[in-house]
Protein backbone atom coordinates (compact mmCIF):
# COMPACT_ATOMS: atom_id res chain seq x y z
CA MET A 1 -18.13 4.35 -23.34
CA GLY A 2 -21.72 4.47 -22.10
CA SER A 3 -24.00 7.52 -22.05
CA VAL A 4 -26.04 8.53 -19.00
CA ARG A 5 -28.26 11.54 -18.35
CA ALA A 6 -27.08 13.77 -15.51
CA HIS A 7 -28.18 17.27 -14.51
CA GLY A 8 -29.82 17.86 -17.85
CA ARG A 9 -26.88 16.80 -20.00
CA THR A 10 -25.47 13.60 -21.44
CA VAL A 11 -22.12 12.49 -20.03
CA GLU A 12 -19.84 9.63 -20.94
CA VAL A 13 -18.88 6.95 -18.41
CA PRO A 14 -16.24 4.32 -19.28
CA VAL A 15 -17.83 0.90 -19.80
CA GLY A 16 -15.83 -2.27 -20.25
CA GLY A 17 -12.36 -3.10 -19.05
CA PHE A 18 -11.79 -2.21 -15.40
CA GLU A 19 -14.52 0.00 -13.95
CA HIS A 20 -13.37 1.49 -10.63
CA GLU A 21 -16.24 3.26 -8.88
CA VAL A 22 -16.68 5.20 -5.64
CA LEU A 23 -19.97 5.27 -3.72
CA PHE A 24 -20.43 7.81 -0.92
CA TYR A 25 -22.90 6.94 1.84
CA ARG A 26 -24.04 8.69 5.01
CA ASP A 27 -25.68 5.92 7.03
CA ASP A 28 -26.62 2.23 6.96
CA GLU A 29 -29.63 2.90 4.76
CA GLY A 30 -27.53 4.71 2.17
CA PHE A 31 -24.91 1.97 2.30
CA LEU A 32 -27.47 -0.74 1.60
CA ALA A 33 -29.32 1.31 -1.03
CA GLY A 34 -26.12 1.57 -3.04
CA LEU A 35 -24.68 -1.91 -2.55
CA VAL A 36 -27.59 -4.34 -2.50
CA PRO A 37 -28.78 -3.53 -6.07
CA PHE A 38 -25.16 -3.60 -7.29
CA ILE A 39 -24.61 -7.06 -5.79
CA ARG A 40 -27.93 -8.46 -6.99
CA GLU A 41 -27.33 -7.17 -10.50
CA GLY A 42 -24.04 -9.09 -10.54
CA LEU A 43 -25.74 -12.28 -9.36
CA GLU A 44 -28.46 -11.90 -12.00
CA ARG A 45 -25.74 -11.66 -14.66
CA ASP A 46 -24.08 -14.81 -13.30
CA GLU A 47 -20.97 -12.87 -12.28
CA ASP A 48 -18.78 -13.94 -9.41
CA VAL A 49 -19.46 -11.40 -6.64
CA VAL A 50 -16.79 -10.84 -3.98
CA VAL A 51 -17.40 -8.41 -1.11
CA ALA A 52 -14.51 -7.21 1.06
CA GLU A 53 -15.88 -5.23 4.00
CA PRO A 54 -15.19 -4.93 7.73
CA ARG A 55 -17.21 -7.52 9.63
CA PRO A 56 -20.04 -5.22 10.87
CA ARG A 57 -20.71 -4.11 7.30
CA THR A 58 -20.57 -7.70 6.11
CA GLU A 59 -23.25 -8.74 8.60
CA LEU A 60 -25.41 -5.80 7.54
CA LEU A 61 -25.17 -6.89 3.91
CA ARG A 62 -25.86 -10.55 4.70
CA ASP A 63 -29.08 -9.63 6.48
CA ALA A 64 -30.21 -7.34 3.66
CA LEU A 65 -29.43 -9.87 0.92
CA GLY A 66 -31.26 -12.71 2.65
CA GLY A 67 -31.07 -15.90 0.58
CA ASP A 68 -28.87 -14.21 -2.03
CA ALA A 69 -26.05 -13.89 0.52
CA GLY A 70 -25.12 -17.54 0.00
CA ALA A 71 -24.05 -16.81 -3.58
CA VAL A 72 -21.65 -14.05 -2.52
CA THR A 73 -18.05 -14.51 -1.34
CA PHE A 74 -17.47 -12.35 1.74
CA LEU A 75 -13.98 -11.32 2.89
CA ASP A 76 -13.08 -9.42 6.06
CA MET A 77 -11.38 -6.23 4.87
CA ALA A 78 -10.00 -5.59 8.35
CA GLU A 79 -8.07 -8.85 7.95
CA ILE A 80 -7.07 -9.01 4.28
CA GLY A 81 -6.44 -5.27 4.10
CA ALA A 82 -4.87 -4.63 7.50
CA ASN A 83 -1.85 -3.58 5.45
CA PRO A 84 -3.52 -1.97 2.41
CA ALA A 85 -0.65 -3.07 0.17
CA ARG A 86 -1.99 -6.65 0.36
CA ILE A 87 -5.38 -5.86 -1.19
CA ILE A 88 -4.42 -5.68 -4.86
CA GLY A 89 -3.01 -9.19 -4.62
CA VAL A 90 -6.37 -10.45 -3.32
CA TRP A 91 -8.25 -8.88 -6.23
CA ALA A 92 -5.66 -10.09 -8.73
CA ALA A 93 -6.05 -13.67 -7.51
CA ALA A 94 -9.85 -13.45 -7.67
CA LEU A 95 -9.72 -11.99 -11.18
CA ASP A 96 -7.32 -14.68 -12.40
CA LYS A 97 -9.56 -17.39 -10.95
CA GLN A 98 -12.74 -16.11 -12.54
CA THR A 99 -11.11 -15.31 -15.87
CA ALA A 100 -9.77 -18.87 -16.04
CA ALA A 101 -13.29 -20.16 -15.31
CA GLY A 102 -14.78 -18.00 -18.07
CA ARG A 103 -16.74 -15.82 -15.63
CA GLN A 104 -16.69 -12.11 -14.88
CA LEU A 105 -15.78 -10.66 -11.50
CA ARG A 106 -17.75 -8.00 -9.64
CA GLY A 107 -16.24 -6.67 -6.44
CA VAL A 108 -17.09 -4.48 -3.48
CA GLY A 109 -14.14 -3.22 -1.44
CA GLU A 110 -14.03 -0.69 1.39
CA PRO A 111 -10.34 -0.24 2.25
CA ALA A 112 -10.71 3.22 3.86
CA PHE A 113 -13.17 2.24 6.58
CA HIS A 114 -13.95 4.24 9.73
CA GLY A 115 -11.58 3.49 12.61
CA ARG A 116 -8.34 3.21 10.66
CA ARG A 117 -5.20 5.09 11.67
CA ASP A 118 -4.16 8.19 9.74
CA LEU A 119 -1.13 6.44 8.19
CA GLU A 120 -3.38 3.59 7.05
CA PHE A 121 -5.58 6.10 5.22
CA VAL A 122 -2.45 7.39 3.45
CA GLU A 123 -1.69 3.89 2.19
CA CYS A 124 -5.34 3.28 1.30
CA GLN A 125 -5.19 6.27 -1.03
CA LEU A 126 -2.04 4.97 -2.73
CA HIS A 127 -3.70 1.55 -2.99
CA GLU A 128 -6.74 3.06 -4.71
CA GLN A 129 -4.48 4.90 -7.16
CA LEU A 130 -2.51 1.75 -7.93
CA LEU A 131 -5.67 -0.28 -8.57
CA ASN A 132 -6.17 1.63 -11.82
CA HIS A 133 -2.55 1.07 -12.81
CA ALA A 134 -2.82 -2.63 -11.98
CA PHE A 135 -6.04 -3.48 -13.84
CA ASP A 136 -6.54 -0.93 -16.62
CA GLY A 137 -6.13 -2.69 -19.95
CA GLY A 138 -6.92 -6.13 -18.50
CA PRO A 139 -10.09 -8.25 -18.32
CA ALA A 140 -13.38 -6.46 -17.78
CA TRP A 141 -14.65 -6.26 -14.19
CA ARG A 142 -16.24 -3.78 -11.80
CA LEU A 143 -15.07 -2.73 -8.35
CA LEU A 144 -17.30 -0.51 -6.21
CA CYS A 145 -15.64 1.19 -3.23
CA PRO A 146 -17.96 2.59 -0.54
CA TYR A 147 -16.82 5.64 1.48
CA ASP A 148 -18.52 6.85 4.68
CA GLU A 149 -18.66 10.59 3.99
CA VAL A 150 -19.90 11.36 7.52
CA ARG A 151 -17.39 9.52 9.70
CA LEU A 152 -14.27 9.55 7.53
CA PRO A 153 -11.84 12.50 7.58
CA ARG A 154 -12.81 15.05 4.95
CA ALA A 155 -9.44 14.75 3.21
CA VAL A 156 -9.99 10.99 2.76
CA VAL A 157 -13.40 11.58 1.17
CA ARG A 158 -12.05 14.25 -1.18
CA ALA A 159 -9.14 12.03 -2.20
CA ALA A 160 -11.57 9.29 -3.28
CA LEU A 161 -12.74 11.49 -6.16
CA ARG A 162 -9.14 11.70 -7.40
CA THR A 163 -8.53 7.95 -7.21
CA HIS A 164 -11.76 6.67 -8.81
CA PRO A 165 -12.66 7.37 -12.46
CA ILE A 166 -16.37 6.83 -11.77
CA ARG A 167 -18.68 8.20 -9.07
CA THR A 168 -21.74 6.01 -8.52
CA THR A 169 -24.93 7.01 -6.73
CA VAL A 170 -28.17 5.15 -6.15
CA THR A 171 -29.56 6.53 -9.41
CA GLU A 172 -26.63 7.22 -11.75
CA ARG A 173 -22.98 6.72 -12.68
CA LEU A 174 -20.90 9.78 -13.45
CA PRO A 175 -17.28 10.37 -14.46
CA SER A 176 -15.27 11.97 -11.66
CA ALA A 177 -14.00 15.32 -12.88
CA ASP A 178 -11.27 15.20 -10.21
CA TYR A 179 -9.86 11.82 -11.26
CA ALA A 180 -6.07 11.90 -11.66
CA ARG A 181 -5.20 9.06 -14.01
CA HIS A 182 -1.47 9.22 -13.36
CA GLY A 183 -1.68 10.26 -9.73
CA HIS A 184 0.04 7.07 -8.61
CA VAL A 185 3.29 8.15 -10.28
CA GLU A 186 3.65 11.29 -8.17
CA ALA A 187 2.39 9.59 -5.00
CA PHE A 188 4.81 6.67 -5.28
CA ALA A 189 7.77 9.01 -5.84
CA ALA A 190 6.90 11.45 -3.03
CA PRO A 191 9.18 11.35 0.03
CA LEU A 192 7.71 10.14 3.31
CA PRO A 193 7.45 12.62 6.22
CA LYS A 194 10.57 12.81 8.33
CA PRO A 195 10.43 11.43 11.90
CA THR A 196 9.88 14.01 14.61
CA ASP A 197 11.57 12.13 17.49
CA ALA A 198 15.03 10.69 18.11
CA VAL A 199 16.24 8.23 15.47
CA LEU A 200 18.78 5.43 15.69
CA ARG A 201 20.59 5.34 12.37
CA GLY A 202 23.34 3.29 10.75
CA SER A 203 24.48 1.89 7.41
CA TYR A 204 24.87 -1.67 6.14
CA GLY A 205 26.73 -3.43 3.35
CA PRO A 206 27.10 -6.91 1.86
CA ARG A 207 28.50 -8.47 5.05
CA ASP A 208 26.10 -6.82 7.48
CA ILE A 209 22.83 -8.70 7.01
CA PRO A 210 23.13 -10.79 10.23
CA ALA A 211 24.15 -7.72 12.23
CA THR A 212 21.29 -5.68 10.76
CA ARG A 213 18.83 -8.40 11.67
CA ARG A 214 20.17 -8.57 15.25
CA THR A 215 20.05 -4.80 15.64
CA VAL A 216 16.40 -4.64 14.60
CA ALA A 217 15.49 -7.56 16.90
CA GLN A 218 17.25 -6.02 19.89
CA TYR A 219 15.49 -2.70 19.45
CA ALA A 220 12.13 -4.44 19.00
CA ARG A 221 12.55 -6.39 22.24
CA ARG A 222 13.66 -3.27 24.10
CA VAL A 223 10.47 -1.39 23.15
CA GLY A 224 8.32 -4.32 24.27
CA LEU A 225 7.22 -6.08 21.08
CA SER A 226 6.03 -9.68 21.33
CA ASP A 227 8.16 -12.63 20.23
CA GLU A 228 5.97 -13.02 17.14
CA GLN A 229 6.41 -9.36 16.19
CA VAL A 230 10.17 -9.55 16.74
CA GLU A 231 10.41 -12.63 14.53
CA ALA A 232 8.45 -10.91 11.74
CA LEU A 233 10.70 -7.84 11.92
CA GLU A 234 13.86 -9.95 11.90
CA LEU A 235 12.76 -11.65 8.69
CA ALA A 236 11.65 -8.34 7.15
CA ALA A 237 15.01 -6.76 8.01
CA SER A 238 16.86 -9.62 6.38
CA GLU A 239 14.79 -9.40 3.19
CA LEU A 240 15.00 -5.62 2.89
CA ALA A 241 18.74 -5.45 3.56
CA THR A 242 19.29 -8.21 0.99
CA ASN A 243 17.20 -6.27 -1.56
CA SER A 244 19.33 -3.17 -0.99
CA ILE A 245 22.53 -5.12 -1.53
CA ARG A 246 21.27 -6.84 -4.67
CA HIS A 247 19.27 -4.04 -6.28
CA GLY A 248 20.02 -0.83 -4.39
CA GLY A 249 23.66 -0.17 -4.99
CA GLY A 250 25.22 -2.70 -2.63
CA GLY A 251 24.02 -1.30 0.68
CA GLY A 252 21.86 1.24 2.42
CA THR A 253 20.84 3.04 5.58
CA LEU A 254 18.83 1.64 8.50
CA ALA A 255 16.81 3.93 10.78
CA MET A 256 14.63 3.03 13.78
CA TRP A 257 12.40 5.15 15.99
CA LEU A 258 9.15 5.18 17.94
CA GLU A 259 5.92 6.85 16.89
CA ARG A 260 2.99 7.36 19.24
CA ASP A 261 1.58 3.89 18.61
CA ALA A 262 4.22 2.12 16.51
CA MET A 263 7.81 1.05 16.22
CA VAL A 264 9.24 2.12 12.87
CA VAL A 265 12.06 0.50 10.90
CA GLU A 266 13.16 2.19 7.69
CA PHE A 267 15.49 0.94 4.95
CA THR A 268 16.79 3.42 2.39
CA ASP A 269 19.06 2.82 -0.60
CA SER A 270 19.97 4.31 -3.97
CA GLY A 271 17.99 1.84 -6.06
CA HIS A 272 14.83 2.62 -8.02
CA LEU A 273 11.67 0.48 -8.11
CA ALA A 274 10.40 1.18 -11.61
CA ASP A 275 7.14 -0.74 -11.03
CA PRO A 276 5.10 0.51 -8.05
CA LEU A 277 3.22 -2.80 -7.98
CA THR A 278 6.38 -4.68 -6.95
CA GLY A 279 5.63 -6.65 -3.79
CA ARG A 280 1.86 -6.11 -3.98
CA ILE A 281 1.12 -9.09 -6.22
CA SER A 282 2.62 -12.54 -5.68
CA PRO A 283 5.44 -12.98 -8.22
CA PRO A 284 5.27 -15.94 -10.62
CA LEU A 285 7.00 -19.06 -9.33
CA GLU A 286 9.61 -18.83 -12.07
CA SER A 287 10.50 -15.24 -11.15
CA PRO A 288 12.89 -14.60 -8.23
CA ALA A 289 12.33 -10.84 -8.32
CA GLY A 290 9.89 -9.17 -5.92
CA ARG A 291 9.56 -12.06 -3.48
CA GLY A 292 11.33 -10.35 -0.60
CA LEU A 293 9.14 -7.24 -0.64
CA TYR A 294 6.01 -9.35 -1.14
CA LEU A 295 6.90 -11.34 1.99
CA VAL A 296 7.47 -8.13 3.96
CA HIS A 297 4.02 -6.88 2.97
CA GLN A 298 2.45 -10.14 4.17
CA LEU A 299 4.36 -10.21 7.46
CA CYS A 300 4.18 -6.65 8.73
CA ASP A 301 1.42 -4.43 10.11
CA LEU A 302 1.95 -1.52 7.71
CA VAL A 303 4.52 -1.06 4.96
CA GLN A 304 5.13 2.23 3.14
CA VAL A 305 7.18 2.06 -0.05
CA ARG A 306 8.28 5.12 -1.98
CA SER A 307 10.73 5.15 -4.88
CA SER A 308 12.12 7.57 -7.46
CA PRO A 309 15.32 7.84 -9.48
CA GLN A 310 16.83 9.41 -6.34
CA GLY A 311 16.38 6.22 -4.30
CA THR A 312 13.99 3.88 -2.51
CA THR A 313 12.60 3.97 1.02
CA VAL A 314 10.73 1.11 2.70
CA ARG A 315 9.22 2.04 6.06
CA VAL A 316 7.84 -0.78 8.21
CA LEU A 317 5.52 -0.01 11.12
CA THR A 318 4.64 -2.45 13.89
CA TRP A 319 1.77 -1.42 16.16
CA LEU A 320 2.61 -1.24 19.86
């Protein structure tokens, strides 16, 4: 632990291990005031600095860093985090690489950026909760997550205090009194909202994988998805139905419907995913488990996974 002075008292902030921090900003000046010193401090300490931001923010940082920008690895968060469930895998790969090289990682990641859809913000919150589960107890590194407290929905900003153990400002680092260390357990087990429109529903068993795949493809074509989107959904349907048969009691239920801006395919079975990180990190080559869900996360626009002892639901959304 490290001591800092705040509001006339000494408070303890975790130091060492995984340090997951939130930084609230109100404008470009506040964004740069918080991030540029953080990045330069990492470079001065010979840490490997990786910044994952939407492209406009990346360009802003490049200009502010000047010559130091060349020493930073920049990633487009709108690309790597289009489906927020992919982001942990990116950080895990970066951490493994730097740990193997004997260097320390310092990251900046803004998954909940302005302009995202409401359902994406829901998955960003779960992602932030699972980051602590994924990296607590592992190698030491810091991840600073900026949040635009002016343009983001108020609920998204408030949730950031529950998902980050540390709140960082330009002048100090404070423990977040609202941090819920085990919040990911409840969030991962919570049921998804029920659809409000008409739903096509059916069941599948061990012999129904080809038929399930065809059914999903036919519906996708009928609602006007592109050939590439249809192909991705066909493969996702095959993987998810196979998972249900192998790990979810031998079969499950398929549901399909339209949201305002998405086609939704949902697979439900009686199995239980004990590890909420399943599918978010690339499985080891020697392990056959988790590959199907990992592939679905990589292929599809947005994937929502919820699981409890009562069963597992995987909801796949494809933007229209």
